[in-house]
Amino acid sequence: MPKRSTLRLTIRSIAALPATGSDAFHWDRDLAGFGVRVQRNGRKVYVVQSRGPAGLKRVTLGPVAGEALDQRRREAAGIIDRIKRGLDPIAPEPEPDPTVADLAERCMRSYVKVQCKPKTQALYRTAIDRHIVPALGTMLVKDVRSSHVIELHDRLCDTPSMANHVVSMLSKMYSLAATWELVPHGRNPCKRVRHYREEPRERFLSPDEYRSVGAALRKAEADGSLWPPAIAAIRLLMLTGCRKSEILTLQWDDVDRTAGEFRLRDGKRGPRMVPLTTPVLKVLDGIERVEGNPWVIRSKKPGAHLPGLGYYWNRIRDRAGLEDVRIHDLRHSHASEALALGESLSMIGKLLGHSKVGTTARYAHLVQDAEKAAAARTGESIGAHLAANGAAAA
């Protein structure tokens, strides 16, 4: 720390400081640590020197320039304070305000790629690249208002599902922005956007349609027109109600015949166990195991699992005459069949691996239909008894 000086630095006193042929420091009387360095060539610069937790630090502020003295004194006071608090003497330049495009890439890098499964990652990527960035990418995150989001939502009115997805993903981006302190908490321009109503598409296979699919699978198996593991995968989807990705990523090591169940590592809500029923075991027994390939539903590519079932399902449903049935409808049909057999919604949720009751509640109307049918059968039976008894009494 420089010794206490009796010199008060002023424009006049600084001008009078002589050059001595070697560097000399002249410290201010009023602000300890603020001074002027007179170099051997006579050039004069403002300097700051102070001691903090990291030791003695000295900073050159710049050349003496007449009227800049008061400004340099204020800068020096701030630097001395930072040194004493153990901070870098010069405060770093503030980061530029992020744009929506910047926020989108940070979300993809820090959240989506870490927390989300590949399918969800692809949805985020599509929404960001095709809709969010083209519409809002150059805007600063802090400048986006509800009106901008509403305009984007309205622009996608012909595809209501995508419009709602885009707003939901943008809303998540702003929630993360608040967590990262890029915007104040509660500052989310998506809050007032009213989503389009989406009609849930529900399609359940009837017993006759199940038989048609079964016949189409047997025919494809017999004539060898489709890849056998793909046929097995479709059967497992119908018999278990699992998601497509769960069956495609099933490994032989996950099949525990002793415990009578197999483990889904890649379940949407985390790992879960699925019972090995007799029909499921029969399908598994019919799948050829290839050494070096751990996947139950193997691909034609060595060591890999089958990446998708779209082509194979389209061929099967065309043969079965069910062009309007999606492969995910097999999962809905599994739930429908269980409800028809008297299983409760909570049990259906466990069978399908739902983590939220609300997800299973979409099947509540099937329970009501089953209750109505049961009530009708019961009422008709009792009515028949009453009528028979009445006839006998007469």
Foldseek 3Di string as FASTA:
>chain_A
DDDQAPDADDLVVVVPDDQDQAWDWDAHNPDGQWTWIQHNVRWIWIKGWEAAPVGIDMDTDGGDDRVCVVVVVVLNVQLRVQRNVVHHSDDDDDDPQAFVLRLLVCCLVPPPVVPHDPVVSVLSVCLVPPQVCVQGRVHGPAPDALVSLLVSLVVCVVPLVNSVSSLVSLQVSVCVCCVVVSDPPPPGRSPPHDGDDDDDDADADDPLLVVLLVVLLVVCVVVVVDDLLLSLLLQCCLVQLEDSVQQQAFFPVQDDVVVQWGWRQPHNVGIDITGNDPVNVVSQVPQDDDPQAGHSQCDPPPNHTDPDNVVVVCSSCVSSVNNPDDSNNSSVNSLLVVVLVPDDLVVNCNSHVNPDSVVSCVCVVSNVVSVVVVVVVVVVVVVVVVVVVVVVVD
